[in-house]
Amino acid sequence: MINGINIGLVLFLIGLYGIITNKNLIKIIMSLGISSNGIVLFFNSLGYVQGGIPPILTESSVNFVDPVPQALMLTMIVINLCDTALALAIIVWIYKKFGTVNIEEMT
């Protein structure tokens, strides 16, 4: 059965493979984004409860969906966006200095 946990792990592994094998800095940053999105999907899927109700205060307190992983992953998404913007700014500086974004061609 395919679920969010499995898809999250596959996305993380695809991104990790891209980080390890690519020599282009922009492709490495894209792979980092794919792996971080896999982590977000994995943790959001862990907090899912089949047939769960929203965590709103009611008389019964059974079978709630845990909101903590969702809140933490929203924070992670914002941090990943800032990391990506900073990394791209550094890549622009590297391109101006070396004239390439390929790791092997930098001297």
PDB file of N, CA and C in Angstrom:
ATOM      1  N   MET A   1       0.843  -1.181   0.000  1.00  0.00           N
ATOM      2  CA  MET A   1       0.000   0.000   0.000  1.00  0.00           C
ATOM      3  C   MET A   1       0.892   1.251   0.000  1.00  0.00           C
ATOM      4  N   ILE A   2       0.572   2.159  -0.892  1.00  0.00           N
ATOM      5  CA  ILE A   2       1.330   3.409  -0.986  1.00  0.00           C
ATOM      6  C   ILE A   2       0.656   4.435  -0.085  1.00  0.00           C
ATOM      7  N   ASN A   3       1.431   5.018   0.825  1.00  0.00           N
ATOM      8  CA  ASN A   3       0.903   6.075   1.673  1.00  0.00           C
ATOM      9  C   ASN A   3       1.924   7.217   1.742  1.00  0.00           C
ATOM     10  N   GLY A   4       1.576   8.245   2.493  1.00  0.00           N
ATOM     11  CA  GLY A   4       2.440   9.413   2.567  1.00  0.00           C
ATOM     12  C   GLY A   4       3.796   9.141   3.186  1.00  0.00           C
ATOM     13  N   ILE A   5       3.840   8.175   4.098  1.00  0.00           N
ATOM     14  CA  ILE A   5       5.118   7.855   4.739  1.00  0.00           C
ATOM     15  C   ILE A   5       6.084   7.285   3.705  1.00  0.00           C
ATOM     16  N   ASN A   6       5.610   6.344   2.885  1.00  0.00           N
ATOM     17  CA  ASN A   6       6.464   5.742   1.863  1.00  0.00           C
ATOM     18  C   ASN A   6       6.886   6.757   0.810  1.00  0.00           C
ATOM     19  N   ILE A   7       5.961   7.594   0.383  1.00  0.00           N
ATOM     20  CA  ILE A   7       6.286   8.599  -0.628  1.00  0.00           C
ATOM     21  C   ILE A   7       7.288   9.610  -0.067  1.00  0.00           C
ATOM     22  N   GLY A   8       7.124   9.977   1.204  1.00  0.00           N
ATOM     23  CA  GLY A   8       8.070  10.889   1.832  1.00  0.00           C
ATOM     24  C   GLY A   8       9.473  10.310   1.883  1.00  0.00           C
ATOM     25  N   LEU A   9       9.579   9.029   2.213  1.00  0.00           N
ATOM     26  CA  LEU A   9      10.897   8.388   2.240  1.00  0.00           C
ATOM     27  C   LEU A   9      11.513   8.316   0.845  1.00  0.00           C
ATOM     28  N   VAL A  10      10.693   8.007  -0.156  1.00  0.00           N
ATOM     29  CA  VAL A  10      11.201   7.937  -1.532  1.00  0.00           C
ATOM     30  C   VAL A  10      11.677   9.313  -1.997  1.00  0.00           C
ATOM     31  N   LEU A  11      10.915  10.361  -1.698  1.00  0.00           N
ATOM     32  CA  LEU A  11      11.338  11.715  -2.073  1.00  0.00           C
ATOM     33  C   LEU A  11      12.636  12.098  -1.374  1.00  0.00           C
ATOM     34  N   PHE A  12      12.751  11.743  -0.105  1.00  0.00           N
ATOM     35  CA  PHE A  12      13.989  12.043   0.610  1.00  0.00           C
ATOM     36  C   PHE A  12      15.177  11.336  -0.034  1.00  0.00           C
ATOM     37  N   LEU A  13      15.013  10.074  -0.394  1.00  0.00           N
ATOM     38  CA  LEU A  13      16.108   9.324  -0.996  1.00  0.00           C
ATOM     39  C   LEU A  13      16.458   9.836  -2.391  1.00  0.00           C
ATOM     40  N   ILE A  14      15.453  10.247  -3.167  1.00  0.00           N
ATOM     41  CA  ILE A  14      15.719  10.831  -4.481  1.00  0.00           C
ATOM     42  C   ILE A  14      16.519  12.129  -4.326  1.00  0.00           C
ATOM     43  N   GLY A  15      16.118  12.966  -3.386  1.00  0.00           N
ATOM     44  CA  GLY A  15      16.859  14.203  -3.139  1.00  0.00           C
ATOM     45  C   GLY A  15      18.269  13.944  -2.643  1.00  0.00           C
ATOM     46  N   LEU A  16      18.431  12.962  -1.775  1.00  0.00           N
ATOM     47  CA  LEU A  16      19.765  12.620  -1.274  1.00  0.00           C
ATOM     48  C   LEU A  16      20.657  12.115  -2.400  1.00  0.00           C
ATOM     49  N   TYR A  17      20.106  11.313  -3.303  1.00  0.00           N
ATOM     50  CA  TYR A  17      20.861  10.845  -4.464  1.00  0.00           C
ATOM     51  C   TYR A  17      21.294  12.027  -5.333  1.00  0.00           C
ATOM     52  N   GLY A  18      20.402  12.987  -5.532  1.00  0.00           N
ATOM     53  CA  GLY A  18      20.741  14.170  -6.318  1.00  0.00           C
ATOM     54  C   GLY A  18      21.812  15.013  -5.663  1.00  0.00           C
ATOM     55  N   ILE A  19      21.769  15.129  -4.347  1.00  0.00           N
ATOM     56  CA  ILE A  19      22.790  15.899  -3.634  1.00  0.00           C
ATOM     57  C   ILE A  19      24.158  15.243  -3.796  1.00  0.00           C
ATOM     58  N   ILE A  20      24.201  13.926  -3.716  1.00  0.00           N
ATOM     59  CA  ILE A  20      25.474  13.208  -3.765  1.00  0.00           C
ATOM     60  C   ILE A  20      26.053  13.175  -5.172  1.00  0.00           C
ATOM     61  N   THR A  21      25.224  13.017  -6.197  1.00  0.00           N
ATOM     62  CA  THR A  21      25.732  12.766  -7.545  1.00  0.00           C
ATOM     63  C   THR A  21      25.911  14.013  -8.401  1.00  0.00           C
ATOM     64  N   ASN A  22      25.227  15.105  -8.122  1.00  0.00           N
ATOM     65  CA  ASN A  22      25.312  16.284  -8.980  1.00  0.00           C
ATOM     66  C   ASN A  22      26.547  17.112  -8.691  1.00  0.00           C
ATOM     67  N   LYS A  23      27.054  17.754  -9.735  1.00  0.00           N
ATOM     68  CA  LYS A  23      28.191  18.671  -9.607  1.00  0.00           C
ATOM     69  C   LYS A  23      27.763  20.126  -9.790  1.00  0.00           C
ATOM     70  N   ASN A  24      26.550  20.337 -10.288  1.00  0.00           N
ATOM     71  CA  ASN A  24      26.027  21.675 -10.498  1.00  0.00           C
ATOM     72  C   ASN A  24      25.385  22.161  -9.198  1.00  0.00           C
ATOM     73  N   LEU A  25      25.772  23.346  -8.739  1.00  0.00           N
ATOM     74  CA  LEU A  25      25.289  23.848  -7.456  1.00  0.00           C
ATOM     75  C   LEU A  25      23.780  24.087  -7.449  1.00  0.00           C
ATOM     76  N   ILE A  26      23.230  24.542  -8.556  1.00  0.00           N
ATOM     77  CA  ILE A  26      21.788  24.792  -8.614  1.00  0.00           C
ATOM     78  C   ILE A  26      21.018  23.474  -8.524  1.00  0.00           C
ATOM     79  N   LYS A  27      21.519  22.437  -9.180  1.00  0.00           N
ATOM     80  CA  LYS A  27      20.870  21.132  -9.082  1.00  0.00           C
ATOM     81  C   LYS A  27      20.984  20.548  -7.680  1.00  0.00           C
ATOM     82  N   ILE A  28      22.070  20.843  -7.011  1.00  0.00           N
ATOM     83  CA  ILE A  28      22.217  20.388  -5.626  1.00  0.00           C
ATOM     84  C   ILE A  28      21.183  21.068  -4.728  1.00  0.00           C
ATOM     85  N   ILE A  29      20.964  22.362  -4.932  1.00  0.00           N
ATOM     86  CA  ILE A  29      19.963  23.082  -4.148  1.00  0.00           C
ATOM     87  C   ILE A  29      18.563  22.552  -4.455  1.00  0.00           C
ATOM     88  N   MET A  30      18.277  22.240  -5.724  1.00  0.00           N
ATOM     89  CA  MET A  30      16.980  21.656  -6.080  1.00  0.00           C
ATOM     90  C   MET A  30      16.807  20.296  -5.416  1.00  0.00           C
ATOM     91  N   SER A  31      17.865  19.494  -5.379  1.00  0.00           N
ATOM     92  CA  SER A  31      17.800  18.188  -4.729  1.00  0.00           C
ATOM     93  C   SER A  31      17.596  18.327  -3.228  1.00  0.00           C
ATOM     94  N   LEU A  32      18.203  19.343  -2.646  1.00  0.00           N
ATOM     95  CA  LEU A  32      18.004  19.608  -1.231  1.00  0.00           C
ATOM     96  C   LEU A  32      16.538  19.963  -0.947  1.00  0.00           C
ATOM     97  N   GLY A  33      15.930  20.719  -1.839  1.00  0.00           N
ATOM     98  CA  GLY A  33      14.506  21.047  -1.702  1.00  0.00           C
ATOM     99  C   GLY A  33      13.619  19.820  -1.810  1.00  0.00           C
ATOM    100  N   ILE A  34      13.952  18.916  -2.724  1.00  0.00           N
ATOM    101  CA  ILE A  34      13.174  17.682  -2.876  1.00  0.00           C
ATOM    102  C   ILE A  34      13.280  16.838  -1.613  1.00  0.00           C
ATOM    103  N   SER A  35      14.477  16.706  -1.075  1.00  0.00           N
ATOM    104  CA  SER A  35      14.641  15.896   0.138  1.00  0.00           C
ATOM    105  C   SER A  35      13.931  16.529   1.331  1.00  0.00           C
ATOM    106  N   SER A  36      13.973  17.846   1.441  1.00  0.00           N
ATOM    107  CA  SER A  36      13.287  18.481   2.569  1.00  0.00           C
ATOM    108  C   SER A  36      11.772  18.376   2.423  1.00  0.00           C
ATOM    109  N   ASN A  37      11.261  18.425   1.207  1.00  0.00           N
ATOM    110  CA  ASN A  37       9.825  18.209   1.014  1.00  0.00           C
ATOM    111  C   ASN A  37       9.426  16.773   1.355  1.00  0.00           C
ATOM    112  N   GLY A  38      10.318  15.834   1.097  1.00  0.00           N
ATOM    113  CA  GLY A  38      10.060  14.451   1.500  1.00  0.00           C
ATOM    114  C   GLY A  38       9.980  14.320   3.012  1.00  0.00           C
ATOM    115  N   ILE A  39      10.845  15.042   3.719  1.00  0.00           N
ATOM    116  CA  ILE A  39      10.811  15.017   5.184  1.00  0.00           C
ATOM    117  C   ILE A  39       9.509  15.620   5.700  1.00  0.00           C
ATOM    118  N   VAL A  40       9.081  16.719   5.098  1.00  0.00           N
ATOM    119  CA  VAL A  40       7.822  17.357   5.501  1.00  0.00           C
ATOM    120  C   VAL A  40       6.653  16.398   5.290  1.00  0.00           C
ATOM    121  N   LEU A  41       6.605  15.754   4.129  1.00  0.00           N
ATOM    122  CA  LEU A  41       5.521  14.807   3.855  1.00  0.00           C
ATOM    123  C   LEU A  41       5.560  13.631   4.822  1.00  0.00           C
ATOM    124  N   PHE A  42       6.754  13.141   5.138  1.00  0.00           N
ATOM    125  CA  PHE A  42       6.901  12.019   6.064  1.00  0.00           C
ATOM    126  C   PHE A  42       6.340  12.369   7.439  1.00  0.00           C
ATOM    127  N   PHE A  43       6.745  13.514   7.996  1.00  0.00           N
ATOM    128  CA  PHE A  43       6.292  13.859   9.334  1.00  0.00           C
ATOM    129  C   PHE A  43       4.818  14.244   9.378  1.00  0.00           C
ATOM    130  N   ASN A  44       4.313  14.878   8.329  1.00  0.00           N
ATOM    131  CA  ASN A  44       2.876  15.164   8.294  1.00  0.00           C
ATOM    132  C   ASN A  44       2.067  13.875   8.209  1.00  0.00           C
ATOM    133  N   SER A  45       2.590  12.883   7.505  1.00  0.00           N
ATOM    134  CA  SER A  45       1.893  11.603   7.410  1.00  0.00           C
ATOM    135  C   SER A  45       1.923  10.846   8.736  1.00  0.00           C
ATOM    136  N   LEU A  46       2.986  11.037   9.507  1.00  0.00           N
ATOM    137  CA  LEU A  46       3.038  10.393  10.820  1.00  0.00           C
ATOM    138  C   LEU A  46       1.959  10.927  11.756  1.00  0.00           C
ATOM    139  N   GLY A  47       1.605  12.196  11.634  1.00  0.00           N
ATOM    140  CA  GLY A  47       0.600  12.787  12.506  1.00  0.00           C
ATOM    141  C   GLY A  47      -0.829  12.502  12.081  1.00  0.00           C
ATOM    142  N   TYR A  48      -1.022  11.850  10.933  1.00  0.00           N
ATOM    143  CA  TYR A  48      -2.367  11.576  10.430  1.00  0.00           C
ATOM    144  C   TYR A  48      -2.999  10.430  11.204  1.00  0.00           C
ATOM    145  N   VAL A  49      -4.291  10.570  11.514  1.00  0.00           N
ATOM    146  CA  VAL A  49      -5.049   9.519  12.190  1.00  0.00           C
ATOM    147  C   VAL A  49      -6.261   9.192  11.331  1.00  0.00           C
ATOM    148  N   GLN A  50      -6.400   7.926  10.960  1.00  0.00           N
ATOM    149  CA  GLN A  50      -7.541   7.507  10.136  1.00  0.00           C
ATOM    150  C   GLN A  50      -8.836   7.736  10.919  1.00  0.00           C
ATOM    151  N   GLY A  51      -9.715   8.524  10.359  1.00  0.00           N
ATOM    152  CA  GLY A  51     -10.992   8.821  11.008  1.00  0.00           C
ATOM    153  C   GLY A  51     -10.871   9.806  12.158  1.00  0.00           C
ATOM    154  N   GLY A  52      -9.745  10.493  12.259  1.00  0.00           N
ATOM    155  CA  GLY A  52      -9.531  11.447  13.345  1.00  0.00           C
ATOM    156  C   GLY A  52     -10.320  12.724  13.134  1.00  0.00           C
ATOM    157  N   ILE A  53     -10.523  13.433  14.223  1.00  0.00           N
ATOM    158  CA  ILE A  53     -11.251  14.703  14.150  1.00  0.00           C
ATOM    159  C   ILE A  53     -10.258  15.835  14.411  1.00  0.00           C
ATOM    160  N   PRO A  54     -10.611  17.054  14.004  1.00  0.00           N
ATOM    161  CA  PRO A  54      -9.712  18.186  14.254  1.00  0.00           C
ATOM    162  C   PRO A  54      -9.507  18.404  15.753  1.00  0.00           C
ATOM    163  N   PRO A  55      -8.333  18.886  16.129  1.00  0.00           N
ATOM    164  CA  PRO A  55      -8.046  19.072  17.553  1.00  0.00           C
ATOM    165  C   PRO A  55      -8.676  20.340  18.125  1.00  0.00           C
ATOM    166  N   ILE A  56      -9.999  20.341  18.173  1.00  0.00           N
ATOM    167  CA  ILE A  56     -10.751  21.463  18.722  1.00  0.00           C
ATOM    168  C   ILE A  56     -11.366  20.981  20.028  1.00  0.00           C
ATOM    169  N   LEU A  57     -11.376  21.827  21.028  1.00  0.00           N
ATOM    170  CA  LEU A  57     -11.902  21.421  22.328  1.00  0.00           C
ATOM    171  C   LEU A  57     -13.388  21.089  22.222  1.00  0.00           C
ATOM    172  N   THR A  58     -13.687  19.841  22.489  1.00  0.00           N
ATOM    173  CA  THR A  58     -15.075  19.372  22.510  1.00  0.00           C
ATOM    174  C   THR A  58     -15.267  18.536  23.765  1.00  0.00           C
ATOM    175  N   GLU A  59     -16.456  17.971  23.914  1.00  0.00           N
ATOM    176  CA  GLU A  59     -16.735  17.151  25.088  1.00  0.00           C
ATOM    177  C   GLU A  59     -15.952  15.843  25.064  1.00  0.00           C
ATOM    178  N   SER A  60     -15.814  15.245  23.893  1.00  0.00           N
ATOM    179  CA  SER A  60     -15.056  13.994  23.815  1.00  0.00           C
ATOM    180  C   SER A  60     -13.629  14.306  23.377  1.00  0.00           C
ATOM    181  N   SER A  61     -12.681  13.579  23.934  1.00  0.00           N
ATOM    182  CA  SER A  61     -11.282  13.832  23.600  1.00  0.00           C
ATOM    183  C   SER A  61     -10.620  12.573  23.061  1.00  0.00           C
ATOM    184  N   VAL A  62     -11.300  11.899  22.163  1.00  0.00           N
ATOM    185  CA  VAL A  62     -10.736  10.673  21.601  1.00  0.00           C
ATOM    186  C   VAL A  62     -10.476  10.859  20.119  1.00  0.00           C
ATOM    187  N   ASN A  63      -9.431  10.191  19.627  1.00  0.00           N
ATOM    188  CA  ASN A  63      -9.128  10.109  18.203  1.00  0.00           C
ATOM    189  C   ASN A  63      -8.875  11.477  17.556  1.00  0.00           C
ATOM    190  N   PHE A  64      -8.064  12.293  18.226  1.00  0.00           N
ATOM    191  CA  PHE A  64      -7.678  13.578  17.658  1.00  0.00           C
ATOM    192  C   PHE A  64      -6.498  13.405  16.708  1.00  0.00           C
ATOM    193  N   VAL A  65      -6.461  14.237  15.688  1.00  0.00           N
ATOM    194  CA  VAL A  65      -5.288  14.325  14.827  1.00  0.00           C
ATOM    195  C   VAL A  65      -4.278  15.216  15.539  1.00  0.00           C
ATOM    196  N   ASP A  66      -3.030  14.768  15.616  1.00  0.00           N
ATOM    197  CA  ASP A  66      -2.000  15.517  16.328  1.00  0.00           C
ATOM    198  C   ASP A  66      -1.583  16.750  15.520  1.00  0.00           C
ATOM    199  N   PRO A  67      -1.775  17.965  16.042  1.00  0.00           N
ATOM    200  CA  PRO A  67      -1.415  19.175  15.290  1.00  0.00           C
ATOM    201  C   PRO A  67       0.056  19.562  15.392  1.00  0.00           C
ATOM    202  N   VAL A  68       0.807  18.959  16.319  1.00  0.00           N
ATOM    203  CA  VAL A  68       2.196  19.370  16.538  1.00  0.00           C
ATOM    204  C   VAL A  68       3.074  19.112  15.316  1.00  0.00           C
ATOM    205  N   PRO A  69       3.024  17.914  14.676  1.00  0.00           N
ATOM    206  CA  PRO A  69       3.865  17.732  13.483  1.00  0.00           C
ATOM    207  C   PRO A  69       3.528  18.720  12.361  1.00  0.00           C
ATOM    208  N   GLN A  70       2.261  19.054  12.218  1.00  0.00           N
ATOM    209  CA  GLN A  70       1.880  20.007  11.174  1.00  0.00           C
ATOM    210  C   GLN A  70       2.438  21.390  11.466  1.00  0.00           C
ATOM    211  N   ALA A  71       2.389  21.816  12.721  1.00  0.00           N
ATOM    212  CA  ALA A  71       2.923  23.129  13.084  1.00  0.00           C
ATOM    213  C   ALA A  71       4.441  23.170  12.901  1.00  0.00           C
ATOM    214  N   LEU A  72       5.116  22.095  13.295  1.00  0.00           N
ATOM    215  CA  LEU A  72       6.570  22.053  13.128  1.00  0.00           C
ATOM    216  C   LEU A  72       6.959  22.038  11.653  1.00  0.00           C
ATOM    217  N   MET A  73       6.190  21.352  10.828  1.00  0.00           N
ATOM    218  CA  MET A  73       6.527  21.284   9.405  1.00  0.00           C
ATOM    219  C   MET A  73       6.243  22.604   8.707  1.00  0.00           C
ATOM    220  N   LEU A  74       5.248  23.370   9.168  1.00  0.00           N
ATOM    221  CA  LEU A  74       5.060  24.716   8.615  1.00  0.00           C
ATOM    222  C   LEU A  74       6.281  25.581   8.904  1.00  0.00           C
ATOM    223  N   THR A  75       6.822  25.451  10.109  1.00  0.00           N
ATOM    224  CA  THR A  75       8.040  26.173  10.447  1.00  0.00           C
ATOM    225  C   THR A  75       9.195  25.708   9.573  1.00  0.00           C
ATOM    226  N   MET A  76       9.288  24.408   9.341  1.00  0.00           N
ATOM    227  CA  MET A  76      10.372  23.871   8.513  1.00  0.00           C
ATOM    228  C   MET A  76      10.276  24.363   7.073  1.00  0.00           C
ATOM    229  N   ILE A  77       9.067  24.496   6.553  1.00  0.00           N
ATOM    230  CA  ILE A  77       8.888  24.991   5.187  1.00  0.00           C
ATOM    231  C   ILE A  77       9.426  26.415   5.068  1.00  0.00           C
ATOM    232  N   VAL A  78       9.134  27.260   6.053  1.00  0.00           N
ATOM    233  CA  VAL A  78       9.624  28.641   6.027  1.00  0.00           C
ATOM    234  C   VAL A  78      11.148  28.675   6.139  1.00  0.00           C
ATOM    235  N   ILE A  79      11.704  27.853   7.011  1.00  0.00           N
ATOM    236  CA  ILE A  79      13.160  27.804   7.163  1.00  0.00           C
ATOM    237  C   ILE A  79      13.805  27.302   5.875  1.00  0.00           C
ATOM    238  N   ASN A  80      13.208  26.294   5.214  1.00  0.00           N
ATOM    239  CA  ASN A  80      13.749  25.792   3.949  1.00  0.00           C
ATOM    240  C   ASN A  80      13.716  26.859   2.867  1.00  0.00           C
ATOM    241  N   LEU A  81      12.671  27.665   2.846  1.00  0.00           N
ATOM    242  CA  LEU A  81      12.596  28.750   1.875  1.00  0.00           C
ATOM    243  C   LEU A  81      13.729  29.748   2.098  1.00  0.00           C
ATOM    244  N   CYS A  82      13.990  30.093   3.349  1.00  0.00           N
ATOM    245  CA  CYS A  82      15.087  31.021   3.659  1.00  0.00           C
ATOM    246  C   CYS A  82      16.438  30.407   3.316  1.00  0.00           C
ATOM    247  N   ASP A  83      16.613  29.120   3.606  1.00  0.00           N
ATOM    248  CA  ASP A  83      17.865  28.436   3.260  1.00  0.00           C
ATOM    249  C   ASP A  83      18.092  28.433   1.755  1.00  0.00           C
ATOM    250  N   THR A  84      17.033  28.173   0.996  1.00  0.00           N
ATOM    251  CA  THR A  84      17.143  28.140  -0.458  1.00  0.00           C
ATOM    252  C   THR A  84      17.499  29.517  -1.009  1.00  0.00           C
ATOM    253  N   ALA A  85      16.853  30.554  -0.486  1.00  0.00           N
ATOM    254  CA  ALA A  85      17.152  31.912  -0.945  1.00  0.00           C
ATOM    255  C   ALA A  85      18.597  32.290  -0.628  1.00  0.00           C
ATOM    256  N   LEU A  86      19.068  31.951   0.565  1.00  0.00           N
ATOM    257  CA  LEU A  86      20.447  32.244   0.926  1.00  0.00           C
ATOM    258  C   LEU A  86      21.424  31.465   0.058  1.00  0.00           C
ATOM    259  N   ALA A  87      21.132  30.175  -0.174  1.00  0.00           N
ATOM    260  CA  ALA A  87      22.015  29.356  -1.002  1.00  0.00           C
ATOM    261  C   ALA A  87      22.075  29.890  -2.434  1.00  0.00           C
ATOM    262  N   LEU A  88      20.949  30.311  -2.979  1.00  0.00           N
ATOM    263  CA  LEU A  88      20.956  30.864  -4.337  1.00  0.00           C
ATOM    264  C   LEU A  88      21.724  32.179  -4.402  1.00  0.00           C
ATOM    265  N   ALA A  89      21.626  32.992  -3.359  1.00  0.00           N
ATOM    266  CA  ALA A  89      22.411  34.230  -3.330  1.00  0.00           C
ATOM    267  C   ALA A  89      23.903  33.912  -3.276  1.00  0.00           C
ATOM    268  N   ILE A  90      24.282  32.902  -2.518  1.00  0.00           N
ATOM    269  CA  ILE A  90      25.690  32.504  -2.468  1.00  0.00           C
ATOM    270  C   ILE A  90      26.134  31.943  -3.810  1.00  0.00           C
ATOM    271  N   ILE A  91      25.256  31.207  -4.495  1.00  0.00           N
ATOM    272  CA  ILE A  91      25.591  30.666  -5.819  1.00  0.00           C
ATOM    273  C   ILE A  91      25.801  31.798  -6.816  1.00  0.00           C
ATOM    274  N   VAL A  92      25.009  32.864  -6.743  1.00  0.00           N
ATOM    275  CA  VAL A  92      25.211  34.018  -7.625  1.00  0.00           C
ATOM    276  C   VAL A  92      26.575  34.638  -7.357  1.00  0.00           C
ATOM    277  N   TRP A  93      26.961  34.767  -6.097  1.00  0.00           N
ATOM    278  CA  TRP A  93      28.276  35.303  -5.746  1.00  0.00           C
ATOM    279  C   TRP A  93      29.390  34.390  -6.270  1.00  0.00           C
ATOM    280  N   ILE A  94      29.207  33.074  -6.141  1.00  0.00           N
ATOM    281  CA  ILE A  94      30.202  32.120  -6.644  1.00  0.00           C
ATOM    282  C   ILE A  94      30.310  32.223  -8.164  1.00  0.00           C
ATOM    283  N   TYR A  95      29.190  32.371  -8.850  1.00  0.00           N
ATOM    284  CA  TYR A  95      29.222  32.489 -10.310  1.00  0.00           C
ATOM    285  C   TYR A  95      29.959  33.753 -10.747  1.00  0.00           C
ATOM    286  N   LYS A  96      29.739  34.852 -10.026  1.00  0.00           N
ATOM    287  CA  LYS A  96      30.448  36.090 -10.370  1.00  0.00           C
ATOM    288  C   LYS A  96      31.950  35.962 -10.127  1.00  0.00           C
ATOM    289  N   LYS A  97      32.333  35.207  -9.109  1.00  0.00           N
ATOM    290  CA  LYS A  97      33.743  35.070  -8.778  1.00  0.00           C
ATOM    291  C   LYS A  97      34.455  34.065  -9.676  1.00  0.00           C
ATOM    292  N   PHE A  98      33.833  32.895  -9.923  1.00  0.00           N
ATOM    293  CA  PHE A  98      34.489  31.825 -10.662  1.00  0.00           C
ATOM    294  C   PHE A  98      34.016  31.669 -12.105  1.00  0.00           C
ATOM    295  N   GLY A  99      32.849  32.230 -12.435  1.00  0.00           N
ATOM    296  CA  GLY A  99      32.334  32.131 -13.797  1.00  0.00           C
ATOM    297  C   GLY A  99      31.679  30.789 -14.101  1.00  0.00           C
ATOM    298  N   THR A 100      31.416  29.971 -13.088  1.00  0.00           N
ATOM    299  CA  THR A 100      30.762  28.692 -13.275  1.00  0.00           C
ATOM    300  C   THR A 100      30.050  28.284 -11.995  1.00  0.00           C
ATOM    301  N   VAL A 101      29.072  27.386 -12.144  1.00  0.00           N
ATOM    302  CA  VAL A 101      28.403  26.822 -10.967  1.00  0.00           C
ATOM    303  C   VAL A 101      28.705  25.326 -10.847  1.00  0.00           C
ATOM    304  N   ASN A 102      29.632  24.839 -11.689  1.00  0.00           N
ATOM    305  CA  ASN A 102      30.042  23.454 -11.622  1.00  0.00           C
ATOM    306  C   ASN A 102      31.178  23.327 -10.617  1.00  0.00           C
ATOM    307  N   ILE A 103      31.048  22.405  -9.686  1.00  0.00           N
ATOM    308  CA  ILE A 103      32.035  22.265  -8.616  1.00  0.00           C
ATOM    309  C   ILE A 103      33.394  21.855  -9.174  1.00  0.00           C
ATOM    310  N   GLU A 104      33.400  20.992 -10.184  1.00  0.00           N
ATOM    311  CA  GLU A 104      34.665  20.495 -10.727  1.00  0.00           C
ATOM    312  C   GLU A 104      35.442  21.548 -11.525  1.00  0.00           C
ATOM    313  N   GLU A 105      34.745  22.552 -12.069  1.00  0.00           N
ATOM    314  CA  GLU A 105      35.418  23.567 -12.896  1.00  0.00           C
ATOM    315  C   GLU A 105      35.933  24.755 -12.083  1.00  0.00           C
ATOM    316  N   MET A 106      35.614  24.825 -10.796  1.00  0.00           N
ATOM    317  CA  MET A 106      36.088  25.926  -9.982  1.00  0.00           C
ATOM    318  C   MET A 106      37.555  25.721  -9.651  1.00  0.00           C
ATOM    319  N   THR A 107      38.324  26.801  -9.745  1.00  0.00           N
ATOM    320  CA  THR A 107      39.754  26.700  -9.440  1.00  0.00           C
ATOM    321  C   THR A 107      40.108  27.559  -8.259  1.00  0.00           C
TER     322      THR A 107
END
